[in-house]
Amino acid sequence: MFLKKYQRKFLVVIMLAMAFPLIALLVSRLNNPKIIQEPIPSPVVYKTTVTPRISPVPTKLPAISPELSGEVNLDIPFTSQAPNQNWVLPYKEFCEEASVLMVMSYINRQLISTPEYASQKMLEIKSFEENRFGYYEDTNAEETAVIIREFYNYDKVRVLYDPKIGDIKKALSEGKAVIMPAAGRMLGNPYFQQPGPLYHMLVIKGYTKTGNFITNDPGTRHGANFIYSPDVLMNAIHDWNGGDVGNGRKVIIIVGRREK
């Protein structure tokens, strides 16, 4: 009797041990979003000149809201924040530096030619941040805008609080790049070193016909043209907020002048 009771307990333990891996796999698949794969439009380079507007009639006309493009993909070059796959300090903190480098390379119509070049430029931005702010880690939206204005001497940058999907699409339709601070773990990117970064920054470079956003996400070497759904992206937008990222205000950084 005792032996049979012992055997039953032993069988229960064996069955539970066999079930745990299956349960873990199921939970993992539920928590990790499916990678979105769909056609993206051809990349568009930044236009450095603006066609002047001439108004033959000196009267104020009613404002006309321009129609958004059906799809957009700005030709923003990609680098991960660890271009040589060395995910140690300072590179594991370089999402802001990488985002700025990508956007300003687009604005200046420059390539990010090699991992060594990307690394050198991000280290230069780090040096500027340390001199300007006293630190380089976790710059918020306003500080990131300062990097663009002062390090790159470029003033066509705007910090927009409480953005809507339409604001992002409008900026992209006008040829402007968008930098987005985020609560990184809310992005659910399966390529991140789990559980993902507490605070993150990435570049929104376009959107597809279905409305998904095309990004350059420096948090992974697979981040070029990485597609996020608008719900995921808008939910994850949060500023640094002194480390309380989940309660950080929603904000984006718009870079560039209007194309048309």
Foldseek 3Di string as FASTA:
>chain_A
DVVVVVVVVVVVVVVVVVCVVVVVVVVVPVLFDDFDDDDADDADAADQDADDDDDPDPDDDDDDDDDFDLKHFHPFEAAALQNVPPCDPPSVQQQLLRQLVRQVCRNVVHYCDGSVSSVVSSVVLQVVCCVPPVGRGQDWPVVSLVSCCPVVVANQKDKDFPDDLVVQRVLLSQVKKKKFKFCFQLLSHPQAPPSTDRIHMWIFGMAHSVGWTFTQGNRHPPRHRGTGRPVSRQQTGFTCVVPVGNPHTGMMMIGDDGHD
